[in-house]
Amino acid sequence: MPPLSLYKFPVDGYRRPDQRYIFFSQEPPPYIGEEVTKFNHIFNWTMSYAAHSDIRYHYGEVIPLPSAPTTHSSRTAYIKSTRHGENFAEGKTKMVAWFVSHCYTQSRREKYVSILRQYIPVDIYGGCYSHHCPMNESAFLSTDPCYDMLDSNYKFYLAFENSFCVDYVTEKFFDILQRRIIPVVMGGANYSAIAPPHSYIDALLYSPRQLADYLKLLASNDKLYNEYFWWKPHFKVVRRYPRLASNALCSLCEKLHLNKTQSVYHDLATGWSHKTQCKSPRFKGVRIFFGIF
């Protein structure tokens, strides 16, 4: 996403009174910058992954089907059940994979992974590392054959976000969730409000060594591993393309036709400052030196 520039905005005298300016971003606040305050008094609406946006354009969602359990006891019964009859661990010979394009991030996820690799094998794919898998260059995403390779070979995938910000969960989580591999998440969103319980592993609850021990336990026990897929018959994963993108654009079109109010964001930083929307990385058992990249 190119940076915003005040010089590319029409001066006030050339802006039609019925024209709407929309602040659109799929990047978290640390990648937008504190200069967002320069754009106060300009934008009428916001459109992004964040729940507080005027038009929601998020990366994915999980929709409960009619058979989805609604109580803790019924969910527990499903988790302990093997009624789906599938062994999601069958044929998998590798432990952990990670697709990553940014080498150094605000979340310091790379620091956590470097320590994790001391205790468990992690195959890292991307420009900064030794393993490679073809990408869709236009969308800057891994291709389906890459995800098929994960399904066949790996038991776990690191869905680690580049920033720990409210509501920021990208396609790396939803793409894996719909497949036959357990996502290990790291981010600032409330994952329990996004995905079914016991469908993912939250790395922030473990030190790297503790996480490695837990993954090795699951990898050695097919029954425990398969419990993480209990939810598959009862929920549907929807990714951003094409449904959520269409929904967002339709919502925008409807709003343009029906909403004639003259609202303007006079303090855009309220919802887009990393100071209020994001948190610094804190890992169990890991020291982070913030001045070193």
C-alpha atoms as a PDB file:
ATOM      1  CA  MET A   1       0.000   0.000   0.000  1.00  0.00           C
ATOM      2  CA  PRO A   2       1.593   3.351  -1.009  1.00  0.00           C
ATOM      3  CA  PRO A   3       1.880   5.936   1.776  1.00  0.00           C
ATOM      4  CA  LEU A   4      -0.705   8.669   2.058  1.00  0.00           C
ATOM      5  CA  SER A   5       0.353  12.070   0.800  1.00  0.00           C
ATOM      6  CA  LEU A   6      -1.259  15.407   1.571  1.00  0.00           C
ATOM      7  CA  TYR A   7      -0.047  16.634  -1.785  1.00  0.00           C
ATOM      8  CA  LYS A   8      -2.296  14.176  -3.621  1.00  0.00           C
ATOM      9  CA  PHE A   9      -5.496  15.518  -2.057  1.00  0.00           C
ATOM     10  CA  PRO A  10      -7.560  18.148  -3.869  1.00  0.00           C
ATOM     11  CA  VAL A  11      -7.585  21.467  -2.062  1.00  0.00           C
ATOM     12  CA  ASP A  12     -10.771  22.255  -0.187  1.00  0.00           C
ATOM     13  CA  GLY A  13     -12.100  24.561  -2.869  1.00  0.00           C
ATOM     14  CA  TYR A  14     -12.171  21.727  -5.426  1.00  0.00           C
ATOM     15  CA  ARG A  15     -13.945  19.136  -3.299  1.00  0.00           C
ATOM     16  CA  ARG A  16     -17.597  18.638  -4.139  1.00  0.00           C
ATOM     17  CA  PRO A  17     -19.926  18.888  -1.124  1.00  0.00           C
ATOM     18  CA  ASP A  18     -21.427  15.463  -1.921  1.00  0.00           C
ATOM     19  CA  GLN A  19     -18.045  13.766  -2.312  1.00  0.00           C
ATOM     20  CA  ARG A  20     -16.989  11.171   0.279  1.00  0.00           C
ATOM     21  CA  TYR A  21     -13.385  10.483   1.206  1.00  0.00           C
ATOM     22  CA  ILE A  22     -12.802   6.990   2.578  1.00  0.00           C
ATOM     23  CA  PHE A  23      -9.804   5.976   4.671  1.00  0.00           C
ATOM     24  CA  PHE A  24      -9.077   2.429   3.461  1.00  0.00           C
ATOM     25  CA  SER A  25      -6.392   0.236   4.980  1.00  0.00           C
ATOM     26  CA  GLN A  26      -5.761  -3.446   5.511  1.00  0.00           C
ATOM     27  CA  GLU A  27      -2.495  -2.732   7.332  1.00  0.00           C
ATOM     28  CA  PRO A  28      -2.272  -2.283  11.125  1.00  0.00           C
ATOM     29  CA  PRO A  29      -1.407   1.097  12.734  1.00  0.00           C
ATOM     30  CA  PRO A  30       2.376   0.516  13.063  1.00  0.00           C
ATOM     31  CA  TYR A  31       2.577   0.298   9.274  1.00  0.00           C
ATOM     32  CA  ILE A  32       0.494   3.445   8.786  1.00  0.00           C
ATOM     33  CA  GLY A  33       2.512   5.631  11.137  1.00  0.00           C
ATOM     34  CA  GLU A  34       1.749   8.412  13.574  1.00  0.00           C
ATOM     35  CA  GLU A  35       1.545  10.920  10.722  1.00  0.00           C
ATOM     36  CA  VAL A  36      -2.033   9.764  10.319  1.00  0.00           C
ATOM     37  CA  THR A  37      -2.922  12.840  12.410  1.00  0.00           C
ATOM     38  CA  LYS A  38      -2.148  14.974   9.362  1.00  0.00           C
ATOM     39  CA  PHE A  39      -5.274  13.546   7.756  1.00  0.00           C
ATOM     40  CA  ASN A  40      -7.693  14.795  10.381  1.00  0.00           C
ATOM     41  CA  HIS A  41     -10.705  16.729   9.032  1.00  0.00           C
ATOM     42  CA  ILE A  42     -10.418  15.005   5.623  1.00  0.00           C
ATOM     43  CA  PHE A  43     -11.993  11.530   5.681  1.00  0.00           C
ATOM     44  CA  ASN A  44     -15.715  10.890   6.042  1.00  0.00           C
ATOM     45  CA  TRP A  45     -15.654   7.128   6.563  1.00  0.00           C
ATOM     46  CA  THR A  46     -13.207   4.325   7.292  1.00  0.00           C
ATOM     47  CA  MET A  47     -13.007   0.931   5.607  1.00  0.00           C
ATOM     48  CA  SER A  48     -10.755  -1.768   7.035  1.00  0.00           C
ATOM     49  CA  TYR A  49     -10.386  -5.050   8.942  1.00  0.00           C
ATOM     50  CA  ALA A  50     -11.114  -3.265  12.248  1.00  0.00           C
ATOM     51  CA  ALA A  51     -14.507  -3.741  13.901  1.00  0.00           C
ATOM     52  CA  HIS A  52     -14.819   0.008  14.529  1.00  0.00           C
ATOM     53  CA  SER A  53     -14.679   0.763  10.784  1.00  0.00           C
ATOM     54  CA  ASP A  54     -17.674   2.290   9.060  1.00  0.00           C
ATOM     55  CA  ILE A  55     -17.385  -0.398   6.382  1.00  0.00           C
ATOM     56  CA  ARG A  56     -15.956  -3.719   7.565  1.00  0.00           C
ATOM     57  CA  TYR A  57     -13.556  -5.415   5.162  1.00  0.00           C
ATOM     58  CA  HIS A  58     -11.946  -8.162   7.211  1.00  0.00           C
ATOM     59  CA  TYR A  59      -9.728 -11.048   6.186  1.00  0.00           C
ATOM     60  CA  GLY A  60     -12.065 -13.876   7.092  1.00  0.00           C
ATOM     61  CA  GLU A  61     -14.677 -15.216   9.475  1.00  0.00           C
ATOM     62  CA  VAL A  62     -15.983 -18.483  10.881  1.00  0.00           C
ATOM     63  CA  ILE A  63     -19.727 -19.054  10.578  1.00  0.00           C
ATOM     64  CA  PRO A  64     -21.519 -21.580  12.812  1.00  0.00           C
ATOM     65  CA  LEU A  65     -23.756 -24.075  11.016  1.00  0.00           C
ATOM     66  CA  PRO A  66     -27.068 -25.307  12.487  1.00  0.00           C
ATOM     67  CA  SER A  67     -25.299 -28.259  14.126  1.00  0.00           C
ATOM     68  CA  ALA A  68     -22.766 -26.058  15.968  1.00  0.00           C
ATOM     69  CA  PRO A  69     -22.857 -26.638  19.750  1.00  0.00           C
ATOM     70  CA  THR A  70     -23.895 -23.657  21.853  1.00  0.00           C
ATOM     71  CA  THR A  71     -22.884 -24.737  25.360  1.00  0.00           C
ATOM     72  CA  HIS A  72     -19.567 -25.521  26.979  1.00  0.00           C
ATOM     73  CA  SER A  73     -20.601 -29.079  27.846  1.00  0.00           C
ATOM     74  CA  SER A  74     -21.748 -29.877  24.322  1.00  0.00           C
ATOM     75  CA  ARG A  75     -18.537 -28.454  22.862  1.00  0.00           C
ATOM     76  CA  THR A  76     -16.486 -30.538  25.274  1.00  0.00           C
ATOM     77  CA  ALA A  77     -18.371 -33.666  24.212  1.00  0.00           C
ATOM     78  CA  TYR A  78     -17.650 -32.933  20.551  1.00  0.00           C
ATOM     79  CA  ILE A  79     -13.974 -32.264  21.251  1.00  0.00           C
ATOM     80  CA  LYS A  80     -13.530 -35.605  22.995  1.00  0.00           C
ATOM     81  CA  SER A  81     -15.447 -37.427  20.293  1.00  0.00           C
ATOM     82  CA  THR A  82     -13.869 -39.072  17.252  1.00  0.00           C
ATOM     83  CA  ARG A  83     -17.157 -39.428  15.397  1.00  0.00           C
ATOM     84  CA  HIS A  84     -15.827 -37.660  12.285  1.00  0.00           C
ATOM     85  CA  GLY A  85     -13.697 -40.774  11.736  1.00  0.00           C
ATOM     86  CA  GLU A  86     -10.816 -38.946  10.071  1.00  0.00           C
ATOM     87  CA  ASN A  87      -7.171 -39.022  11.041  1.00  0.00           C
ATOM     88  CA  PHE A  88      -5.817 -35.594  10.163  1.00  0.00           C
ATOM     89  CA  ALA A  89      -2.301 -36.645  11.165  1.00  0.00           C
ATOM     90  CA  GLU A  90      -2.114 -39.538   8.723  1.00  0.00           C
ATOM     91  CA  GLY A  91       0.835 -39.406   6.341  1.00  0.00           C
ATOM     92  CA  LYS A  92       2.343 -36.241   7.812  1.00  0.00           C
ATOM     93  CA  THR A  93       6.059 -36.527   8.459  1.00  0.00           C
ATOM     94  CA  LYS A  94       7.017 -32.920   9.275  1.00  0.00           C
ATOM     95  CA  MET A  95       6.270 -30.791  12.292  1.00  0.00           C
ATOM     96  CA  VAL A  96       5.993 -27.021  11.805  1.00  0.00           C
ATOM     97  CA  ALA A  97       5.917 -24.699   8.790  1.00  0.00           C
ATOM     98  CA  TRP A  98       5.865 -20.926   8.481  1.00  0.00           C
ATOM     99  CA  PHE A  99       5.320 -18.753   5.398  1.00  0.00           C
ATOM    100  CA  VAL A 100       6.727 -15.273   6.009  1.00  0.00           C
ATOM    101  CA  SER A 101       7.504 -12.298   3.775  1.00  0.00           C
ATOM    102  CA  HIS A 102       8.560  -9.642   6.326  1.00  0.00           C
ATOM    103  CA  CYS A 103      11.907 -10.420   7.931  1.00  0.00           C
ATOM    104  CA  TYR A 104      11.673  -7.926  10.806  1.00  0.00           C
ATOM    105  CA  THR A 105       8.360  -6.951  12.367  1.00  0.00           C
ATOM    106  CA  GLN A 106       6.755  -4.911  15.135  1.00  0.00           C
ATOM    107  CA  SER A 107       5.562  -8.105  16.828  1.00  0.00           C
ATOM    108  CA  ARG A 108       9.119  -9.546  16.998  1.00  0.00           C
ATOM    109  CA  ARG A 109       7.649 -12.876  15.949  1.00  0.00           C
ATOM    110  CA  GLU A 110      10.968 -13.762  14.333  1.00  0.00           C
ATOM    111  CA  LYS A 111      12.645 -13.643  17.755  1.00  0.00           C
ATOM    112  CA  TYR A 112      10.132 -16.119  19.184  1.00  0.00           C
ATOM    113  CA  VAL A 113      10.569 -18.461  16.213  1.00  0.00           C
ATOM    114  CA  SER A 114      14.365 -18.335  16.403  1.00  0.00           C
ATOM    115  CA  ILE A 115      14.151 -19.641  19.982  1.00  0.00           C
ATOM    116  CA  LEU A 116      11.409 -22.146  19.126  1.00  0.00           C
ATOM    117  CA  ARG A 117      13.702 -23.668  16.498  1.00  0.00           C
ATOM    118  CA  GLN A 118      16.163 -24.583  19.222  1.00  0.00           C
ATOM    119  CA  TYR A 119      13.655 -27.143  20.516  1.00  0.00           C
ATOM    120  CA  ILE A 120      11.645 -28.256  17.494  1.00  0.00           C
ATOM    121  CA  PRO A 121      12.090 -28.280  13.690  1.00  0.00           C
ATOM    122  CA  VAL A 122      10.452 -25.304  11.945  1.00  0.00           C
ATOM    123  CA  ASP A 123      10.622 -25.061   8.152  1.00  0.00           C
ATOM    124  CA  ILE A 124      10.446 -21.397   7.138  1.00  0.00           C
ATOM    125  CA  TYR A 125       9.382 -20.447   3.617  1.00  0.00           C
ATOM    126  CA  GLY A 126       9.991 -16.986   2.168  1.00  0.00           C
ATOM    127  CA  GLY A 127      12.514 -14.532   0.799  1.00  0.00           C
ATOM    128  CA  CYS A 128      14.368 -14.229   4.103  1.00  0.00           C
ATOM    129  CA  TYR A 129      14.862 -17.954   4.581  1.00  0.00           C
ATOM    130  CA  SER A 130      16.065 -21.076   2.806  1.00  0.00           C
ATOM    131  CA  HIS A 131      12.764 -22.731   1.819  1.00  0.00           C
ATOM    132  CA  HIS A 132      10.691 -21.379  -1.052  1.00  0.00           C
ATOM    133  CA  CYS A 133       7.214 -21.936  -2.439  1.00  0.00           C
ATOM    134  CA  PRO A 134       5.653 -20.210  -5.488  1.00  0.00           C
ATOM    135  CA  MET A 135       3.641 -17.078  -4.770  1.00  0.00           C
ATOM    136  CA  ASN A 136       0.826 -15.266  -6.518  1.00  0.00           C
ATOM    137  CA  GLU A 137       2.807 -12.092  -7.123  1.00  0.00           C
ATOM    138  CA  SER A 138      -0.241  -9.957  -7.955  1.00  0.00           C
ATOM    139  CA  ALA A 139      -1.904 -10.758  -4.624  1.00  0.00           C
ATOM    140  CA  PHE A 140       1.388 -11.331  -2.743  1.00  0.00           C
ATOM    141  CA  LEU A 141       0.018 -14.568  -1.329  1.00  0.00           C
ATOM    142  CA  SER A 142       1.160 -18.174  -1.423  1.00  0.00           C
ATOM    143  CA  THR A 143      -0.430 -20.332  -4.105  1.00  0.00           C
ATOM    144  CA  ASP A 144      -2.827 -23.217  -3.532  1.00  0.00           C
ATOM    145  CA  PRO A 145      -0.162 -25.855  -4.314  1.00  0.00           C
ATOM    146  CA  CYS A 146       1.848 -24.453  -1.388  1.00  0.00           C
ATOM    147  CA  TYR A 147      -1.077 -24.912   0.970  1.00  0.00           C
ATOM    148  CA  ASP A 148      -1.713 -28.375  -0.475  1.00  0.00           C
ATOM    149  CA  MET A 149       1.893 -29.186   0.364  1.00  0.00           C
ATOM    150  CA  LEU A 150       1.290 -28.053   3.951  1.00  0.00           C
ATOM    151  CA  ASP A 151      -1.816 -30.218   4.194  1.00  0.00           C
ATOM    152  CA  SER A 152       0.088 -33.292   3.093  1.00  0.00           C
ATOM    153  CA  ASN A 153       3.323 -32.866   5.026  1.00  0.00           C
ATOM    154  CA  TYR A 154       2.972 -30.681   8.123  1.00  0.00           C
ATOM    155  CA  LYS A 155       1.077 -30.970  11.390  1.00  0.00           C
ATOM    156  CA  PHE A 156       1.330 -27.321  12.506  1.00  0.00           C
ATOM    157  CA  TYR A 157       1.524 -23.892  10.913  1.00  0.00           C
ATOM    158  CA  LEU A 158       2.655 -20.645  12.559  1.00  0.00           C
ATOM    159  CA  ALA A 159      -0.030 -18.013  11.875  1.00  0.00           C
ATOM    160  CA  PHE A 160       1.993 -15.227  13.507  1.00  0.00           C
ATOM    161  CA  GLU A 161       0.934 -11.632  12.769  1.00  0.00           C
ATOM    162  CA  ASN A 162       3.403  -8.828  12.091  1.00  0.00           C
ATOM    163  CA  SER A 163       1.715  -6.588  14.695  1.00  0.00           C
ATOM    164  CA  PHE A 164      -0.247  -7.150  17.901  1.00  0.00           C
ATOM    165  CA  CYS A 165      -3.226  -4.898  17.195  1.00  0.00           C
ATOM    166  CA  VAL A 166      -6.935  -5.002  18.017  1.00  0.00           C
ATOM    167  CA  ASP A 167      -8.938  -7.084  15.475  1.00  0.00           C
ATOM    168  CA  TYR A 168      -5.870  -7.662  13.286  1.00  0.00           C
ATOM    169  CA  VAL A 169      -6.076 -11.258  12.051  1.00  0.00           C
ATOM    170  CA  THR A 170      -4.991 -11.783   8.452  1.00  0.00           C
ATOM    171  CA  GLU A 171      -5.571 -14.422   5.803  1.00  0.00           C
ATOM    172  CA  LYS A 172      -2.665 -16.505   7.122  1.00  0.00           C
ATOM    173  CA  PHE A 173      -4.977 -17.689   9.922  1.00  0.00           C
ATOM    174  CA  PHE A 174      -8.159 -18.278   7.910  1.00  0.00           C
ATOM    175  CA  ASP A 175      -6.346 -19.965   5.007  1.00  0.00           C
ATOM    176  CA  ILE A 176      -4.898 -22.527   7.402  1.00  0.00           C
ATOM    177  CA  LEU A 177      -8.010 -22.924   9.534  1.00  0.00           C
ATOM    178  CA  GLN A 178     -10.003 -24.246   6.602  1.00  0.00           C
ATOM    179  CA  ARG A 179      -7.388 -26.906   5.897  1.00  0.00           C
ATOM    180  CA  ARG A 180      -6.135 -30.062   7.646  1.00  0.00           C
ATOM    181  CA  ILE A 181      -3.408 -28.487   9.765  1.00  0.00           C
ATOM    182  CA  ILE A 182      -3.477 -26.909  13.220  1.00  0.00           C
ATOM    183  CA  PRO A 183      -2.790 -23.154  13.249  1.00  0.00           C
ATOM    184  CA  VAL A 184      -0.550 -21.825  16.000  1.00  0.00           C
ATOM    185  CA  VAL A 185      -1.537 -18.186  16.396  1.00  0.00           C
ATOM    186  CA  MET A 186       0.194 -15.085  17.697  1.00  0.00           C
ATOM    187  CA  GLY A 187      -1.507 -11.721  17.556  1.00  0.00           C
ATOM    188  CA  GLY A 188      -3.416  -8.982  19.354  1.00  0.00           C
ATOM    189  CA  ALA A 189      -6.944 -10.025  18.452  1.00  0.00           C
ATOM    190  CA  ASN A 190      -9.374 -11.955  20.624  1.00  0.00           C
ATOM    191  CA  TYR A 191      -9.126 -15.316  18.866  1.00  0.00           C
ATOM    192  CA  SER A 192     -11.743 -16.885  21.132  1.00  0.00           C
ATOM    193  CA  ALA A 193     -14.307 -14.515  19.623  1.00  0.00           C
ATOM    194  CA  ILE A 194     -13.233 -15.368  16.085  1.00  0.00           C
ATOM    195  CA  ALA A 195     -12.754 -19.129  15.948  1.00  0.00           C
ATOM    196  CA  PRO A 196     -14.248 -22.194  17.666  1.00  0.00           C
ATOM    197  CA  PRO A 197     -12.574 -23.237  20.924  1.00  0.00           C
ATOM    198  CA  HIS A 198      -9.838 -25.830  20.576  1.00  0.00           C
ATOM    199  CA  SER A 199      -9.370 -25.125  16.877  1.00  0.00           C
ATOM    200  CA  TYR A 200      -6.038 -23.308  17.262  1.00  0.00           C
ATOM    201  CA  ILE A 201      -3.111 -23.001  19.687  1.00  0.00           C
ATOM    202  CA  ASP A 202      -2.221 -19.576  21.126  1.00  0.00           C
ATOM    203  CA  ALA A 203       1.575 -19.267  21.256  1.00  0.00           C
ATOM    204  CA  LEU A 204       1.398 -16.332  23.683  1.00  0.00           C
ATOM    205  CA  LEU A 205       0.264 -18.730  26.405  1.00  0.00           C
ATOM    206  CA  TYR A 206       3.569 -20.619  26.168  1.00  0.00           C
ATOM    207  CA  SER A 207       7.260 -19.919  26.237  1.00  0.00           C
ATOM    208  CA  PRO A 208       8.994 -21.221  23.078  1.00  0.00           C
ATOM    209  CA  ARG A 209      10.200 -24.284  24.975  1.00  0.00           C
ATOM    210  CA  GLN A 210       6.747 -24.963  26.443  1.00  0.00           C
ATOM    211  CA  LEU A 211       5.161 -24.620  23.024  1.00  0.00           C
ATOM    212  CA  ALA A 212       7.686 -27.020  21.498  1.00  0.00           C
ATOM    213  CA  ASP A 213       6.940 -29.584  24.205  1.00  0.00           C
ATOM    214  CA  TYR A 214       3.189 -29.267  23.643  1.00  0.00           C
ATOM    215  CA  LEU A 215       3.472 -29.592  19.872  1.00  0.00           C
ATOM    216  CA  LYS A 216       5.637 -32.678  20.269  1.00  0.00           C
ATOM    217  CA  LEU A 217       3.009 -34.167  22.572  1.00  0.00           C
ATOM    218  CA  LEU A 218       0.238 -33.598  20.016  1.00  0.00           C
ATOM    219  CA  ALA A 219       2.407 -34.860  17.164  1.00  0.00           C
ATOM    220  CA  SER A 220       3.008 -38.122  19.015  1.00  0.00           C
ATOM    221  CA  ASN A 221      -0.661 -38.722  19.850  1.00  0.00           C
ATOM    222  CA  ASP A 222      -3.114 -38.866  16.931  1.00  0.00           C
ATOM    223  CA  LYS A 223      -6.128 -38.762  19.235  1.00  0.00           C
ATOM    224  CA  LEU A 224      -5.032 -35.509  20.874  1.00  0.00           C
ATOM    225  CA  TYR A 225      -4.074 -34.079  17.490  1.00  0.00           C
ATOM    226  CA  ASN A 226      -7.435 -34.920  15.918  1.00  0.00           C
ATOM    227  CA  GLU A 227      -9.361 -33.261  18.738  1.00  0.00           C
ATOM    228  CA  TYR A 228      -8.350 -29.913  17.246  1.00  0.00           C
ATOM    229  CA  PHE A 229     -10.545 -30.681  14.217  1.00  0.00           C
ATOM    230  CA  TRP A 230     -13.752 -31.462  16.117  1.00  0.00           C
ATOM    231  CA  TRP A 231     -15.414 -28.310  14.790  1.00  0.00           C
ATOM    232  CA  LYS A 232     -15.019 -29.027  11.050  1.00  0.00           C
ATOM    233  CA  PRO A 233     -18.544 -30.475  10.452  1.00  0.00           C
ATOM    234  CA  HIS A 234     -20.196 -27.670  12.445  1.00  0.00           C
ATOM    235  CA  PHE A 235     -18.590 -24.443  11.191  1.00  0.00           C
ATOM    236  CA  LYS A 236     -17.733 -22.873   7.853  1.00  0.00           C
ATOM    237  CA  VAL A 237     -14.638 -20.768   7.192  1.00  0.00           C
ATOM    238  CA  VAL A 238     -15.131 -17.810   4.860  1.00  0.00           C
ATOM    239  CA  ARG A 239     -12.065 -16.080   3.454  1.00  0.00           C
ATOM    240  CA  ARG A 240     -11.819 -12.508   2.204  1.00  0.00           C
ATOM    241  CA  TYR A 241     -11.957 -13.386  -1.485  1.00  0.00           C
ATOM    242  CA  PRO A 242     -14.483 -13.265  -3.005  1.00  0.00           C
ATOM    243  CA  ARG A 243     -17.373 -13.165  -0.537  1.00  0.00           C
ATOM    244  CA  LEU A 244     -16.136 -10.708   2.089  1.00  0.00           C
ATOM    245  CA  ALA A 245     -14.720  -8.394  -0.548  1.00  0.00           C
ATOM    246  CA  SER A 246     -18.087  -8.353  -2.329  1.00  0.00           C
ATOM    247  CA  ASN A 247     -19.913  -7.732   0.952  1.00  0.00           C
ATOM    248  CA  ALA A 248     -17.640  -4.796   1.786  1.00  0.00           C
ATOM    249  CA  LEU A 249     -18.033  -3.183  -1.620  1.00  0.00           C
ATOM    250  CA  CYS A 250     -21.804  -3.672  -1.544  1.00  0.00           C
ATOM    251  CA  SER A 251     -21.927  -2.070   1.908  1.00  0.00           C
ATOM    252  CA  LEU A 252     -19.895   0.848   0.609  1.00  0.00           C
ATOM    253  CA  CYS A 253     -22.195   1.268  -2.392  1.00  0.00           C
ATOM    254  CA  GLU A 254     -25.283   1.164  -0.174  1.00  0.00           C
ATOM    255  CA  LYS A 255     -23.790   3.701   2.220  1.00  0.00           C
ATOM    256  CA  LEU A 256     -22.948   6.066  -0.627  1.00  0.00           C
ATOM    257  CA  HIS A 257     -26.555   5.945  -1.816  1.00  0.00           C
ATOM    258  CA  LEU A 258     -28.375   6.105   1.504  1.00  0.00           C
ATOM    259  CA  ASN A 259     -26.165   7.943   3.986  1.00  0.00           C
ATOM    260  CA  LYS A 260     -26.149  11.674   3.266  1.00  0.00           C
ATOM    261  CA  THR A 261     -24.677  12.812   6.583  1.00  0.00           C
ATOM    262  CA  GLN A 262     -21.625  15.066   6.547  1.00  0.00           C
ATOM    263  CA  SER A 263     -19.607  13.249   9.222  1.00  0.00           C
ATOM    264  CA  VAL A 264     -15.849  13.843   9.209  1.00  0.00           C
ATOM    265  CA  TYR A 265     -13.074  12.224  11.239  1.00  0.00           C
ATOM    266  CA  HIS A 266     -11.502  15.091  13.168  1.00  0.00           C
ATOM    267  CA  ASP A 267      -9.290  12.719  15.200  1.00  0.00           C
ATOM    268  CA  LEU A 268      -8.362   9.843  12.921  1.00  0.00           C
ATOM    269  CA  ALA A 269      -5.626   8.692  15.284  1.00  0.00           C
ATOM    270  CA  THR A 270      -8.210   7.576  17.859  1.00  0.00           C
ATOM    271  CA  GLY A 271      -8.762   4.406  15.871  1.00  0.00           C
ATOM    272  CA  TRP A 272      -5.432   4.241  14.034  1.00  0.00           C
ATOM    273  CA  SER A 273      -2.689   4.992  16.525  1.00  0.00           C
ATOM    274  CA  HIS A 274      -0.426   2.123  17.544  1.00  0.00           C
ATOM    275  CA  LYS A 275      -0.385   3.646  21.039  1.00  0.00           C
ATOM    276  CA  THR A 276      -4.094   2.935  21.543  1.00  0.00           C
ATOM    277  CA  GLN A 277      -4.736   0.031  19.160  1.00  0.00           C
ATOM    278  CA  CYS A 278      -1.622  -2.101  19.539  1.00  0.00           C
ATOM    279  CA  LYS A 279       0.569  -3.585  22.224  1.00  0.00           C
ATOM    280  CA  SER A 280       4.268  -4.299  22.468  1.00  0.00           C
ATOM    281  CA  PRO A 281       5.377  -7.929  22.202  1.00  0.00           C
ATOM    282  CA  ARG A 282       5.703  -9.788  25.483  1.00  0.00           C
ATOM    283  CA  PHE A 283       6.673 -13.450  25.310  1.00  0.00           C
ATOM    284  CA  LYS A 284       6.893 -15.879  28.198  1.00  0.00           C
ATOM    285  CA  GLY A 285      10.520 -16.698  28.896  1.00  0.00           C
ATOM    286  CA  VAL A 286      11.856 -14.391  26.149  1.00  0.00           C
ATOM    287  CA  ARG A 287      13.667 -11.090  26.593  1.00  0.00           C
ATOM    288  CA  ILE A 288      12.997  -8.536  23.860  1.00  0.00           C
ATOM    289  CA  PHE A 289      15.462  -5.714  23.227  1.00  0.00           C
ATOM    290  CA  PHE A 290      13.387  -3.065  21.495  1.00  0.00           C
ATOM    291  CA  GLY A 291      16.248  -1.031  20.133  1.00  0.00           C
ATOM    292  CA  ILE A 292      17.699  -3.972  18.193  1.00  0.00           C
ATOM    293  CA  PHE A 293      16.310  -5.229  14.860  1.00  0.00           C
END
